[in-house]
């Protein structure tokens, strides 16, 4: 319906504005505020299979810069699950990131992919 489409368009515009704000905060070095903004975007329906990995990677970067390494690894693992060009970029930026175990797979009728991939970096 038109009302639903209008509501979805508003939500998408709001999420895109928040993402732009997160990017600006990241560039300023306001890591915790940027992470909070990215996390707000993460919770929206705007995050799709195509951009999910990028948002997860950005959250991981914020936590890494803020020296919350455990949280960073969790978000990097989530980003790695998305595969594709993002994984190549992660490997380029974090060459010492290594898988430390076997992946566990998500069991769902809606999403197909890796649920957890234990990683560490030296």
PDB file of N, CA and C in Angstrom:
ATOM      1  N   UNK A   1       0.833  -1.191   0.000  1.00  0.00           N
ATOM      2  CA  UNK A   1       0.000   0.000   0.000  1.00  0.00           C
ATOM      3  C   UNK A   1       0.873   1.247   0.000  1.00  0.00           C
ATOM      4  N   UNK A   2       0.262   2.365  -0.320  1.00  0.00           N
ATOM      5  CA  UNK A   2       0.994   3.633  -0.378  1.00  0.00           C
ATOM      6  C   UNK A   2       1.485   4.077   0.995  1.00  0.00           C
ATOM      7  N   UNK A   3       0.676   3.855   2.027  1.00  0.00           N
ATOM      8  CA  UNK A   3       1.064   4.261   3.380  1.00  0.00           C
ATOM      9  C   UNK A   3       2.280   3.473   3.859  1.00  0.00           C
ATOM     10  N   UNK A   4       2.278   2.193   3.554  1.00  0.00           N
ATOM     11  CA  UNK A   4       3.399   1.350   3.950  1.00  0.00           C
ATOM     12  C   UNK A   4       4.669   1.771   3.210  1.00  0.00           C
ATOM     13  N   UNK A   5       4.542   2.041   1.937  1.00  0.00           N
ATOM     14  CA  UNK A   5       5.695   2.477   1.140  1.00  0.00           C
ATOM     15  C   UNK A   5       6.236   3.809   1.654  1.00  0.00           C
ATOM     16  N   UNK A   6       5.341   4.698   2.046  1.00  0.00           N
ATOM     17  CA  UNK A   6       5.761   6.000   2.567  1.00  0.00           C
ATOM     18  C   UNK A   6       6.486   5.833   3.902  1.00  0.00           C
ATOM     19  N   UNK A   7       5.980   4.970   4.762  1.00  0.00           N
ATOM     20  CA  UNK A   7       6.611   4.700   6.055  1.00  0.00           C
ATOM     21  C   UNK A   7       7.995   4.092   5.856  1.00  0.00           C
ATOM     22  N   UNK A   8       8.093   3.140   4.923  1.00  0.00           N
ATOM     23  CA  UNK A   8       9.383   2.515   4.637  1.00  0.00           C
ATOM     24  C   UNK A   8      10.379   3.520   4.066  1.00  0.00           C
ATOM     25  N   UNK A   9       9.907   4.416   3.224  1.00  0.00           N
ATOM     26  CA  UNK A   9      10.786   5.440   2.645  1.00  0.00           C
ATOM     27  C   UNK A   9      11.309   6.379   3.732  1.00  0.00           C
ATOM     28  N   UNK A  10      10.459   6.729   4.687  1.00  0.00           N
ATOM     29  CA  UNK A  10      10.888   7.579   5.802  1.00  0.00           C
ATOM     30  C   UNK A  10      11.940   6.870   6.656  1.00  0.00           C
ATOM     31  N   UNK A  11      11.698   5.600   6.937  1.00  0.00           N
ATOM     32  CA  UNK A  11      12.643   4.823   7.747  1.00  0.00           C
ATOM     33  C   UNK A  11      13.981   4.714   7.029  1.00  0.00           C
ATOM     34  N   UNK A  12      13.939   4.499   5.731  1.00  0.00           N
ATOM     35  CA  UNK A  12      15.180   4.395   4.955  1.00  0.00           C
ATOM     36  C   UNK A  12      15.940   5.722   4.962  1.00  0.00           C
ATOM     37  N   UNK A  13      15.227   6.821   4.789  1.00  0.00           N
ATOM     38  CA  UNK A  13      15.872   8.139   4.804  1.00  0.00           C
ATOM     39  C   UNK A  13      16.488   8.429   6.166  1.00  0.00           C
ATOM     40  N   UNK A  14      15.786   8.067   7.225  1.00  0.00           N
ATOM     41  CA  UNK A  14      16.301   8.276   8.579  1.00  0.00           C
ATOM     42  C   UNK A  14      17.563   7.443   8.814  1.00  0.00           C
ATOM     43  N   UNK A  15      17.539   6.180   8.387  1.00  0.00           N
ATOM     44  CA  UNK A  15      18.702   5.313   8.562  1.00  0.00           C
ATOM     45  C   UNK A  15      19.887   5.802   7.738  1.00  0.00           C
ATOM     46  N   UNK A  16      19.622   6.262   6.528  1.00  0.00           N
ATOM     47  CA  UNK A  16      20.704   6.780   5.694  1.00  0.00           C
ATOM     48  C   UNK A  16      21.310   8.041   6.303  1.00  0.00           C
ATOM     49  N   UNK A  17      20.470   8.898   6.886  1.00  0.00           N
ATOM     50  CA  UNK A  17      20.979  10.102   7.555  1.00  0.00           C
ATOM     51  C   UNK A  17      21.821   9.724   8.768  1.00  0.00           C
ATOM     52  N   UNK A  18      21.369   8.725   9.505  1.00  0.00           N
ATOM     53  CA  UNK A  18      22.124   8.278  10.687  1.00  0.00           C
ATOM     54  C   UNK A  18      23.445   7.645  10.263  1.00  0.00           C
ATOM     55  N   UNK A  19      23.446   6.920   9.140  1.00  0.00           N
ATOM     56  CA  UNK A  19      24.678   6.334   8.627  1.00  0.00           C
ATOM     57  C   UNK A  19      25.665   7.431   8.242  1.00  0.00           C
ATOM     58  N   UNK A  20      25.171   8.470   7.594  1.00  0.00           N
ATOM     59  CA  UNK A  20      26.029   9.600   7.231  1.00  0.00           C
ATOM     60  C   UNK A  20      26.599  10.257   8.480  1.00  0.00           C
ATOM     61  N   UNK A  21      25.786  10.379   9.512  1.00  0.00           N
ATOM     62  CA  UNK A  21      26.250  10.936  10.780  1.00  0.00           C
ATOM     63  C   UNK A  21      27.315  10.030  11.405  1.00  0.00           C
ATOM     64  N   UNK A  22      27.103   8.722  11.328  1.00  0.00           N
ATOM     65  CA  UNK A  22      28.083   7.774  11.867  1.00  0.00           C
ATOM     66  C   UNK A  22      29.416   7.917  11.143  1.00  0.00           C
ATOM     67  N   UNK A  23      29.363   8.065   9.833  1.00  0.00           N
ATOM     68  CA  UNK A  23      30.586   8.243   9.047  1.00  0.00           C
ATOM     69  C   UNK A  23      31.330   9.509   9.473  1.00  0.00           C
ATOM     70  N   UNK A  24      30.602  10.587   9.694  1.00  0.00           N
ATOM     71  CA  UNK A  24      31.217  11.849  10.120  1.00  0.00           C
ATOM     72  C   UNK A  24      31.847  11.708  11.504  1.00  0.00           C
ATOM     73  N   UNK A  25      31.156  11.043  12.414  1.00  0.00           N
ATOM     74  CA  UNK A  25      31.692  10.822  13.759  1.00  0.00           C
ATOM     75  C   UNK A  25      32.956   9.963  13.693  1.00  0.00           C
ATOM     76  N   UNK A  26      32.938   8.966  12.833  1.00  0.00           N
ATOM     77  CA  UNK A  26      34.107   8.096  12.668  1.00  0.00           C
ATOM     78  C   UNK A  26      35.305   8.920  12.185  1.00  0.00           C
ATOM     79  N   UNK A  27      35.077   9.755  11.205  1.00  0.00           N
ATOM     80  CA  UNK A  27      36.168  10.576  10.657  1.00  0.00           C
ATOM     81  C   UNK A  27      36.730  11.542  11.693  1.00  0.00           C
ATOM     82  N   UNK A  28      35.909  11.960  12.651  1.00  0.00           N
ATOM     83  CA  UNK A  28      36.361  12.845  13.729  1.00  0.00           C
ATOM     84  C   UNK A  28      37.082  12.086  14.839  1.00  0.00           C
ATOM     85  N   UNK A  29      37.004  10.761  14.797  1.00  0.00           N
ATOM     86  CA  UNK A  29      37.625   9.962  15.854  1.00  0.00           C
ATOM     87  C   UNK A  29      36.747   9.792  17.072  1.00  0.00           C
ATOM     88  N   UNK A  30      35.464  10.061  16.932  1.00  0.00           N
ATOM     89  CA  UNK A  30      34.509   9.875  18.031  1.00  0.00           C
ATOM     90  C   UNK A  30      33.989   8.439  17.956  1.00  0.00           C
ATOM     91  N   UNK A  31      34.859   7.497  18.336  1.00  0.00           N
ATOM     92  CA  UNK A  31      34.606   6.078  18.100  1.00  0.00           C
ATOM     93  C   UNK A  31      33.340   5.568  18.770  1.00  0.00           C
ATOM     94  N   UNK A  32      33.141   5.877  20.049  1.00  0.00           N
ATOM     95  CA  UNK A  32      31.970   5.321  20.744  1.00  0.00           C
ATOM     96  C   UNK A  32      30.670   5.907  20.197  1.00  0.00           C
ATOM     97  N   UNK A  33      30.678   7.187  19.855  1.00  0.00           N
ATOM     98  CA  UNK A  33      29.478   7.797  19.271  1.00  0.00           C
ATOM     99  C   UNK A  33      29.217   7.244  17.876  1.00  0.00           C
ATOM    100  N   UNK A  34      30.279   7.020  17.117  1.00  0.00           N
ATOM    101  CA  UNK A  34      30.117   6.439  15.779  1.00  0.00           C
ATOM    102  C   UNK A  34      29.569   5.021  15.889  1.00  0.00           C
ATOM    103  N   UNK A  35      30.100   4.237  16.837  1.00  0.00           N
ATOM    104  CA  UNK A  35      29.607   2.871  17.023  1.00  0.00           C
ATOM    105  C   UNK A  35      28.123   2.883  17.364  1.00  0.00           C
ATOM    106  N   UNK A  36      27.718   3.787  18.247  1.00  0.00           N
ATOM    107  CA  UNK A  36      26.301   3.876  18.623  1.00  0.00           C
ATOM    108  C   UNK A  36      25.435   4.214  17.412  1.00  0.00           C
ATOM    109  N   UNK A  37      25.922   5.111  16.575  1.00  0.00           N
ATOM    110  CA  UNK A  37      25.166   5.485  15.375  1.00  0.00           C
ATOM    111  C   UNK A  37      25.076   4.313  14.399  1.00  0.00           C
ATOM    112  N   UNK A  38      26.194   3.619  14.175  1.00  0.00           N
ATOM    113  CA  UNK A  38      26.164   2.445  13.298  1.00  0.00           C
ATOM    114  C   UNK A  38      25.226   1.372  13.847  1.00  0.00           C
ATOM    115  N   UNK A  39      25.227   1.202  15.166  1.00  0.00           N
ATOM    116  CA  UNK A  39      24.349   0.203  15.773  1.00  0.00           C
ATOM    117  C   UNK A  39      22.877   0.556  15.580  1.00  0.00           C
ATOM    118  N   UNK A  40      22.551   1.842  15.607  1.00  0.00           N
ATOM    119  CA  UNK A  40      21.177   2.254  15.321  1.00  0.00           C
ATOM    120  C   UNK A  40      20.795   1.885  13.894  1.00  0.00           C
ATOM    121  N   UNK A  41      21.728   2.100  12.972  1.00  0.00           N
ATOM    122  CA  UNK A  41      21.478   1.724  11.575  1.00  0.00           C
ATOM    123  C   UNK A  41      21.316   0.213  11.467  1.00  0.00           C
ATOM    124  N   UNK A  42      22.163  -0.526  12.193  1.00  0.00           N
ATOM    125  CA  UNK A  42      22.135  -1.987  12.168  1.00  0.00           C
ATOM    126  C   UNK A  42      20.754  -2.518  12.514  1.00  0.00           C
ATOM    127  N   UNK A  43      20.068  -1.857  13.427  1.00  0.00           N
ATOM    128  CA  UNK A  43      18.761  -2.317  13.911  1.00  0.00           C
ATOM    129  C   UNK A  43      17.624  -2.021  12.948  1.00  0.00           C
ATOM    130  N   UNK A  44      17.885  -1.333  11.858  1.00  0.00           N
ATOM    131  CA  UNK A  44      16.821  -0.971  10.923  1.00  0.00           C
ATOM    132  C   UNK A  44      16.676  -2.006   9.818  1.00  0.00           C
ATOM    133  N   UNK A  45      15.563  -1.922   9.131  1.00  0.00           N
ATOM    134  CA  UNK A  45      15.323  -2.830   7.998  1.00  0.00           C
ATOM    135  C   UNK A  45      16.119  -2.419   6.766  1.00  0.00           C
ATOM    136  N   UNK A  46      16.785  -1.263   6.834  1.00  0.00           N
ATOM    137  CA  UNK A  46      17.597  -0.797   5.712  1.00  0.00           C
ATOM    138  C   UNK A  46      18.820  -1.680   5.531  1.00  0.00           C
ATOM    139  N   UNK A  47      19.285  -2.295   6.608  1.00  0.00           N
ATOM    140  CA  UNK A  47      20.443  -3.185   6.533  1.00  0.00           C
ATOM    141  C   UNK A  47      19.985  -4.477   5.860  1.00  0.00           C
ATOM    142  N   UNK A  48      20.552  -4.717   4.696  1.00  0.00           N
ATOM    143  CA  UNK A  48      20.193  -5.887   3.899  1.00  0.00           C
ATOM    144  C   UNK A  48      21.384  -6.838   3.838  1.00  0.00           C
ATOM    145  N   UNK A  49      21.181  -7.958   3.199  1.00  0.00           N
ATOM    146  CA  UNK A  49      22.276  -8.915   3.020  1.00  0.00           C
ATOM    147  C   UNK A  49      23.441  -8.269   2.276  1.00  0.00           C
ATOM    148  N   UNK A  50      23.146  -7.321   1.399  1.00  0.00           N
ATOM    149  CA  UNK A  50      24.185  -6.682   0.598  1.00  0.00           C
ATOM    150  C   UNK A  50      25.055  -5.716   1.396  1.00  0.00           C
ATOM    151  N   UNK A  51      24.476  -5.008   2.356  1.00  0.00           N
ATOM    152  CA  UNK A  51      25.262  -4.019   3.101  1.00  0.00           C
ATOM    153  C   UNK A  51      25.495  -4.383   4.561  1.00  0.00           C
ATOM    154  N   UNK A  52      24.985  -5.510   4.973  1.00  0.00           N
ATOM    155  CA  UNK A  52      25.111  -5.959   6.360  1.00  0.00           C
ATOM    156  C   UNK A  52      26.573  -6.077   6.791  1.00  0.00           C
ATOM    157  N   UNK A  53      27.391  -6.673   5.943  1.00  0.00           N
ATOM    158  CA  UNK A  53      28.799  -6.856   6.272  1.00  0.00           C
ATOM    159  C   UNK A  53      29.538  -5.545   6.439  1.00  0.00           C
ATOM    160  N   UNK A  54      29.211  -4.570   5.612  1.00  0.00           N
ATOM    161  CA  UNK A  54      29.874  -3.270   5.699  1.00  0.00           C
ATOM    162  C   UNK A  54      29.553  -2.566   7.008  1.00  0.00           C
ATOM    163  N   UNK A  55      28.299  -2.616   7.407  1.00  0.00           N
ATOM    164  CA  UNK A  55      27.912  -1.976   8.668  1.00  0.00           C
ATOM    165  C   UNK A  55      28.588  -2.693   9.831  1.00  0.00           C
ATOM    166  N   UNK A  56      28.593  -4.027   9.807  1.00  0.00           N
ATOM    167  CA  UNK A  56      29.249  -4.798  10.877  1.00  0.00           C
ATOM    168  C   UNK A  56      30.734  -4.469  10.939  1.00  0.00           C
ATOM    169  N   UNK A  57      31.378  -4.366   9.792  1.00  0.00           N
ATOM    170  CA  UNK A  57      32.795  -4.023   9.754  1.00  0.00           C
ATOM    171  C   UNK A  57      33.031  -2.634  10.353  1.00  0.00           C
ATOM    172  N   UNK A  58      32.178  -1.686  10.036  1.00  0.00           N
ATOM    173  CA  UNK A  58      32.319  -0.335  10.574  1.00  0.00           C
ATOM    174  C   UNK A  58      32.185  -0.330  12.096  1.00  0.00           C
ATOM    175  N   UNK A  59      31.244  -1.103  12.622  1.00  0.00           N
ATOM    176  CA  UNK A  59      31.105  -1.202  14.079  1.00  0.00           C
ATOM    177  C   UNK A  59      32.385  -1.789  14.673  1.00  0.00           C
ATOM    178  N   UNK A  60      32.901  -2.839  14.050  1.00  0.00           N
ATOM    179  CA  UNK A  60      34.151  -3.449  14.509  1.00  0.00           C
ATOM    180  C   UNK A  60      35.307  -2.468  14.512  1.00  0.00           C
ATOM    181  N   UNK A  61      35.390  -1.663  13.481  1.00  0.00           N
ATOM    182  CA  UNK A  61      36.460  -0.662  13.401  1.00  0.00           C
ATOM    183  C   UNK A  61      36.348   0.342  14.554  1.00  0.00           C
ATOM    184  N   UNK A  62      35.136   0.770  14.843  1.00  0.00           N
ATOM    185  CA  UNK A  62      34.944   1.713  15.957  1.00  0.00           C
ATOM    186  C   UNK A  62      35.421   1.099  17.266  1.00  0.00           C
ATOM    187  N   UNK A  63      35.008  -0.136  17.518  1.00  0.00           N
ATOM    188  CA  UNK A  63      35.418  -0.802  18.754  1.00  0.00           C
ATOM    189  C   UNK A  63      36.933  -1.022  18.793  1.00  0.00           C
ATOM    190  N   UNK A  64      37.528  -1.351  17.666  1.00  0.00           N
ATOM    191  CA  UNK A  64      38.985  -1.552  17.630  1.00  0.00           C
ATOM    192  C   UNK A  64      39.707  -0.258  17.980  1.00  0.00           C
ATOM    193  N   UNK A  65      39.299   0.839  17.366  1.00  0.00           N
ATOM    194  CA  UNK A  65      39.934   2.129  17.656  1.00  0.00           C
ATOM    195  C   UNK A  65      39.724   2.549  19.108  1.00  0.00           C
ATOM    196  N   UNK A  66      38.590   2.152  19.671  1.00  0.00           N
ATOM    197  CA  UNK A  66      38.269   2.492  21.060  1.00  0.00           C
ATOM    198  C   UNK A  66      38.859   1.467  22.037  1.00  0.00           C
ATOM    199  N   UNK A  67      39.640   0.526  21.506  1.00  0.00           N
ATOM    200  CA  UNK A  67      40.335  -0.504  22.273  1.00  0.00           C
ATOM    201  C   UNK A  67      39.407  -1.455  23.018  1.00  0.00           C
ATOM    202  N   UNK A  68      38.251  -1.728  22.430  1.00  0.00           N
ATOM    203  CA  UNK A  68      37.337  -2.761  22.926  1.00  0.00           C
ATOM    204  C   UNK A  68      37.503  -3.954  21.982  1.00  0.00           C
ATOM    205  N   UNK A  69      38.627  -4.648  22.143  1.00  0.00           N
ATOM    206  CA  UNK A  69      39.028  -5.656  21.165  1.00  0.00           C
ATOM    207  C   UNK A  69      38.090  -6.858  21.100  1.00  0.00           C
ATOM    208  N   UNK A  70      37.557  -7.274  22.220  1.00  0.00           N
ATOM    209  CA  UNK A  70      36.611  -8.391  22.203  1.00  0.00           C
ATOM    210  C   UNK A  70      35.375  -8.070  21.380  1.00  0.00           C
ATOM    211  N   UNK A  71      34.829  -6.881  21.588  1.00  0.00           N
ATOM    212  CA  UNK A  71      33.666  -6.458  20.804  1.00  0.00           C
ATOM    213  C   UNK A  71      34.038  -6.313  19.337  1.00  0.00           C
ATOM    214  N   UNK A  72      35.235  -5.788  19.082  1.00  0.00           N
ATOM    215  CA  UNK A  72      35.676  -5.617  17.693  1.00  0.00           C
ATOM    216  C   UNK A  72      35.716  -6.962  16.983  1.00  0.00           C
ATOM    217  N   UNK A  73      36.283  -7.969  17.635  1.00  0.00           N
ATOM    218  CA  UNK A  73      36.379  -9.293  17.019  1.00  0.00           C
ATOM    219  C   UNK A  73      34.998  -9.855  16.723  1.00  0.00           C
ATOM    220  N   UNK A  74      34.072  -9.676  17.650  1.00  0.00           N
ATOM    221  CA  UNK A  74      32.711 -10.167  17.433  1.00  0.00           C
ATOM    222  C   UNK A  74      32.105  -9.557  16.169  1.00  0.00           C
ATOM    223  N   UNK A  75      32.278  -8.252  16.001  1.00  0.00           N
ATOM    224  CA  UNK A  75      31.723  -7.577  14.821  1.00  0.00           C
ATOM    225  C   UNK A  75      32.493  -7.920  13.559  1.00  0.00           C
ATOM    226  N   UNK A  76      33.807  -8.132  13.664  1.00  0.00           N
ATOM    227  CA  UNK A  76      34.570  -8.568  12.495  1.00  0.00           C
ATOM    228  C   UNK A  76      34.113  -9.961  12.056  1.00  0.00           C
ATOM    229  N   UNK A  77      33.866 -10.836  13.036  1.00  0.00           N
ATOM    230  CA  UNK A  77      33.369 -12.172  12.704  1.00  0.00           C
ATOM    231  C   UNK A  77      32.060 -12.074  11.942  1.00  0.00           C
ATOM    232  N   UNK A  78      31.172 -11.214  12.413  1.00  0.00           N
ATOM    233  CA  UNK A  78      29.890 -11.025  11.750  1.00  0.00           C
ATOM    234  C   UNK A  78      30.088 -10.485  10.335  1.00  0.00           C
ATOM    235  N   UNK A  79      31.023  -9.573  10.178  1.00  0.00           N
ATOM    236  CA  UNK A  79      31.306  -9.024   8.845  1.00  0.00           C
ATOM    237  C   UNK A  79      31.863 -10.103   7.925  1.00  0.00           C
ATOM    238  N   UNK A  80      32.711 -10.958   8.459  1.00  0.00           N
ATOM    239  CA  UNK A  80      33.299 -12.023   7.644  1.00  0.00           C
ATOM    240  C   UNK A  80      32.248 -12.997   7.120  1.00  0.00           C
ATOM    241  N   UNK A  81      31.194 -13.176   7.883  1.00  0.00           N
ATOM    242  CA  UNK A  81      30.136 -14.096   7.482  1.00  0.00           C
ATOM    243  C   UNK A  81      29.458 -13.657   6.183  1.00  0.00           C
ATOM    244  N   UNK A  82      29.503 -12.375   5.893  1.00  0.00           N
ATOM    245  CA  UNK A  82      28.790 -11.868   4.723  1.00  0.00           C
ATOM    246  C   UNK A  82      29.480 -12.235   3.416  1.00  0.00           C
ATOM    247  N   UNK A  83      30.787 -12.491   3.463  1.00  0.00           N
ATOM    248  CA  UNK A  83      31.528 -12.908   2.272  1.00  0.00           C
ATOM    249  C   UNK A  83      31.689 -11.796   1.244  1.00  0.00           C
ATOM    250  N   UNK A  84      32.168 -12.177   0.080  1.00  0.00           N
ATOM    251  CA  UNK A  84      32.301 -11.266  -1.044  1.00  0.00           C
ATOM    252  C   UNK A  84      33.417 -10.258  -0.903  1.00  0.00           C
ATOM    253  N   UNK A  85      33.215  -9.102  -1.508  1.00  0.00           N
ATOM    254  CA  UNK A  85      34.230  -8.049  -1.544  1.00  0.00           C
ATOM    255  C   UNK A  85      34.588  -7.560  -0.147  1.00  0.00           C
ATOM    256  N   UNK A  86      33.635  -7.607   0.770  1.00  0.00           N
ATOM    257  CA  UNK A  86      33.917  -7.138   2.118  1.00  0.00           C
ATOM    258  C   UNK A  86      34.988  -7.997   2.773  1.00  0.00           C
ATOM    259  N   UNK A  87      34.904  -9.305   2.578  1.00  0.00           N
ATOM    260  CA  UNK A  87      35.916 -10.191   3.168  1.00  0.00           C
ATOM    261  C   UNK A  87      37.289  -9.860   2.602  1.00  0.00           C
ATOM    262  N   UNK A  88      37.362  -9.592   1.319  1.00  0.00           N
ATOM    263  CA  UNK A  88      38.642  -9.201   0.711  1.00  0.00           C
ATOM    264  C   UNK A  88      39.179  -7.918   1.340  1.00  0.00           C
ATOM    265  N   UNK A  89      38.293  -6.964   1.592  1.00  0.00           N
ATOM    266  CA  UNK A  89      38.706  -5.700   2.202  1.00  0.00           C
ATOM    267  C   UNK A  89      39.163  -5.916   3.641  1.00  0.00           C
ATOM    268  N   UNK A  90      38.457  -6.761   4.380  1.00  0.00           N
ATOM    269  CA  UNK A  90      38.859  -7.064   5.755  1.00  0.00           C
ATOM    270  C   UNK A  90      40.240  -7.706   5.756  1.00  0.00           C
ATOM    271  N   UNK A  91      40.448  -8.640   4.862  1.00  0.00           N
ATOM    272  CA  UNK A  91      41.755  -9.302   4.791  1.00  0.00           C
ATOM    273  C   UNK A  91      42.854  -8.325   4.407  1.00  0.00           C
ATOM    274  N   UNK A  92      42.530  -7.351   3.570  1.00  0.00           N
ATOM    275  CA  UNK A  92      43.523  -6.346   3.193  1.00  0.00           C
ATOM    276  C   UNK A  92      43.869  -5.460   4.388  1.00  0.00           C
ATOM    277  N   UNK A  93      42.848  -5.029   5.124  1.00  0.00           N
ATOM    278  CA  UNK A  93      43.069  -4.117   6.248  1.00  0.00           C
ATOM    279  C   UNK A  93      43.599  -4.811   7.499  1.00  0.00           C
ATOM    280  N   UNK A  94      43.232  -6.060   7.680  1.00  0.00           N
ATOM    281  CA  UNK A  94      43.625  -6.805   8.878  1.00  0.00           C
ATOM    282  C   UNK A  94      44.291  -8.106   8.456  1.00  0.00           C
ATOM    283  N   UNK A  95      45.500  -8.035   7.921  1.00  0.00           N
ATOM    284  CA  UNK A  95      46.137  -9.234   7.373  1.00  0.00           C
ATOM    285  C   UNK A  95      46.426 -10.311   8.413  1.00  0.00           C
ATOM    286  N   UNK A  96      46.472  -9.954   9.692  1.00  0.00           N
ATOM    287  CA  UNK A  96      46.761 -10.933  10.742  1.00  0.00           C
ATOM    288  C   UNK A  96      45.513 -11.581  11.331  1.00  0.00           C
ATOM    289  N   UNK A  97      44.331 -11.246  10.812  1.00  0.00           N
ATOM    290  CA  UNK A  97      43.092 -11.847  11.288  1.00  0.00           C
ATOM    291  C   UNK A  97      43.023 -13.288  10.789  1.00  0.00           C
ATOM    292  N   UNK A  98      42.848 -14.216  11.718  1.00  0.00           N
ATOM    293  CA  UNK A  98      42.842 -15.637  11.378  1.00  0.00           C
ATOM    294  C   UNK A  98      41.649 -16.336  12.024  1.00  0.00           C
ATOM    295  N   UNK A  99      41.118 -17.288  11.317  1.00  0.00           N
ATOM    296  CA  UNK A  99      40.080 -18.141  11.870  1.00  0.00           C
ATOM    297  C   UNK A  99      40.739 -19.085  12.873  1.00  0.00           C
ATOM    298  N   UNK A 100      40.114 -19.250  14.043  1.00  0.00           N
ATOM    299  CA  UNK A 100      40.685 -20.123  15.073  1.00  0.00           C
ATOM    300  C   UNK A 100      39.845 -21.373  15.305  1.00  0.00           C
ATOM    301  N   UNK A 101      38.834 -21.548  14.491  1.00  0.00           N
ATOM    302  CA  UNK A 101      37.986 -22.724  14.659  1.00  0.00           C
ATOM    303  C   UNK A 101      37.034 -22.870  13.493  1.00  0.00           C
ATOM    304  N   UNK A 102      36.189 -23.860  13.615  1.00  0.00           N
ATOM    305  CA  UNK A 102      35.210 -24.128  12.569  1.00  0.00           C
ATOM    306  C   UNK A 102      34.003 -23.203  12.720  1.00  0.00           C
ATOM    307  N   UNK A 103      33.423 -22.807  11.605  1.00  0.00           N
ATOM    308  CA  UNK A 103      32.224 -21.966  11.700  1.00  0.00           C
ATOM    309  C   UNK A 103      31.019 -22.769  12.174  1.00  0.00           C
ATOM    310  N   UNK A 104      30.100 -22.093  12.845  1.00  0.00           N
ATOM    311  CA  UNK A 104      28.807 -22.702  13.135  1.00  0.00           C
ATOM    312  C   UNK A 104      27.800 -21.985  12.236  1.00  0.00           C
ATOM    313  N   UNK A 105      26.884 -22.746  11.694  1.00  0.00           N
ATOM    314  CA  UNK A 105      25.977 -22.194  10.694  1.00  0.00           C
ATOM    315  C   UNK A 105      24.622 -21.853  11.297  1.00  0.00           C
ATOM    316  N   UNK A 106      24.038 -20.807  10.789  1.00  0.00           N
ATOM    317  CA  UNK A 106      22.726 -20.342  11.207  1.00  0.00           C
ATOM    318  C   UNK A 106      21.675 -21.309  10.678  1.00  0.00           C
ATOM    319  N   UNK A 107      20.766 -21.690  11.529  1.00  0.00           N
ATOM    320  CA  UNK A 107      19.670 -22.552  11.108  1.00  0.00           C
ATOM    321  C   UNK A 107      18.413 -21.702  11.056  1.00  0.00           C
ATOM    322  N   UNK A 108      18.021 -21.339   9.842  1.00  0.00           N
ATOM    323  CA  UNK A 108      16.887 -20.445   9.673  1.00  0.00           C
ATOM    324  C   UNK A 108      16.242 -20.683   8.313  1.00  0.00           C
ATOM    325  N   UNK A 109      14.971 -20.428   8.243  1.00  0.00           N
ATOM    326  CA  UNK A 109      14.262 -20.498   6.962  1.00  0.00           C
ATOM    327  C   UNK A 109      14.439 -19.213   6.165  1.00  0.00           C
ATOM    328  N   UNK A 110      14.933 -18.146   6.803  1.00  0.00           N
ATOM    329  CA  UNK A 110      15.009 -16.850   6.162  1.00  0.00           C
ATOM    330  C   UNK A 110      16.423 -16.432   5.786  1.00  0.00           C
ATOM    331  N   UNK A 111      17.386 -16.802   6.604  1.00  0.00           N
ATOM    332  CA  UNK A 111      18.765 -16.365   6.390  1.00  0.00           C
ATOM    333  C   UNK A 111      19.648 -17.597   6.315  1.00  0.00           C
ATOM    334  N   UNK A 112      20.504 -17.634   5.324  1.00  0.00           N
ATOM    335  CA  UNK A 112      21.435 -18.736   5.177  1.00  0.00           C
ATOM    336  C   UNK A 112      22.839 -18.199   5.322  1.00  0.00           C
ATOM    337  N   UNK A 113      23.591 -18.726   6.257  1.00  0.00           N
ATOM    338  CA  UNK A 113      24.956 -18.249   6.401  1.00  0.00           C
ATOM    339  C   UNK A 113      25.619 -18.753   7.663  1.00  0.00           C
ATOM    340  N   UNK A 114      26.800 -18.249   7.896  1.00  0.00           N
ATOM    341  CA  UNK A 114      27.578 -18.625   9.067  1.00  0.00           C
ATOM    342  C   UNK A 114      27.090 -17.815  10.258  1.00  0.00           C
ATOM    343  N   UNK A 115      26.872 -18.481  11.371  1.00  0.00           N
ATOM    344  CA  UNK A 115      26.420 -17.813  12.590  1.00  0.00           C
ATOM    345  C   UNK A 115      27.599 -17.298  13.402  1.00  0.00           C
ATOM    346  N   UNK A 116      28.656 -18.095  13.483  1.00  0.00           N
ATOM    347  CA  UNK A 116      29.815 -17.713  14.279  1.00  0.00           C
ATOM    348  C   UNK A 116      31.066 -18.281  13.625  1.00  0.00           C
ATOM    349  N   UNK A 117      32.081 -17.450  13.559  1.00  0.00           N
ATOM    350  CA  UNK A 117      33.374 -17.870  13.032  1.00  0.00           C
ATOM    351  C   UNK A 117      34.432 -17.348  13.987  1.00  0.00           C
ATOM    352  N   UNK A 118      34.961 -18.216  14.860  1.00  0.00           N
ATOM    353  CA  UNK A 118      35.951 -17.763  15.833  1.00  0.00           C
ATOM    354  C   UNK A 118      37.206 -17.227  15.129  1.00  0.00           C
ATOM    355  N   UNK A 119      37.648 -16.049  15.547  1.00  0.00           N
ATOM    356  CA  UNK A 119      38.800 -15.404  14.939  1.00  0.00           C
ATOM    357  C   UNK A 119      39.693 -14.777  16.016  1.00  0.00           C
ATOM    358  N   UNK A 120      40.917 -14.521  15.622  1.00  0.00           N
ATOM    359  CA  UNK A 120      41.840 -13.773  16.467  1.00  0.00           C
ATOM    360  C   UNK A 120      42.799 -13.034  15.547  1.00  0.00           C
ATOM    361  N   UNK A 121      43.511 -12.070  16.095  1.00  0.00           N
ATOM    362  CA  UNK A 121      44.557 -11.433  15.311  1.00  0.00           C
ATOM    363  C   UNK A 121      45.766 -11.218  16.175  1.00  0.00           C
ATOM    364  N   UNK A 122      46.912 -11.240  15.520  1.00  0.00           N
ATOM    365  CA  UNK A 122      48.187 -11.087  16.238  1.00  0.00           C
ATOM    366  C   UNK A 122      48.734  -9.700  16.049  1.00  0.00           C
TER     367      UNK A 122
END
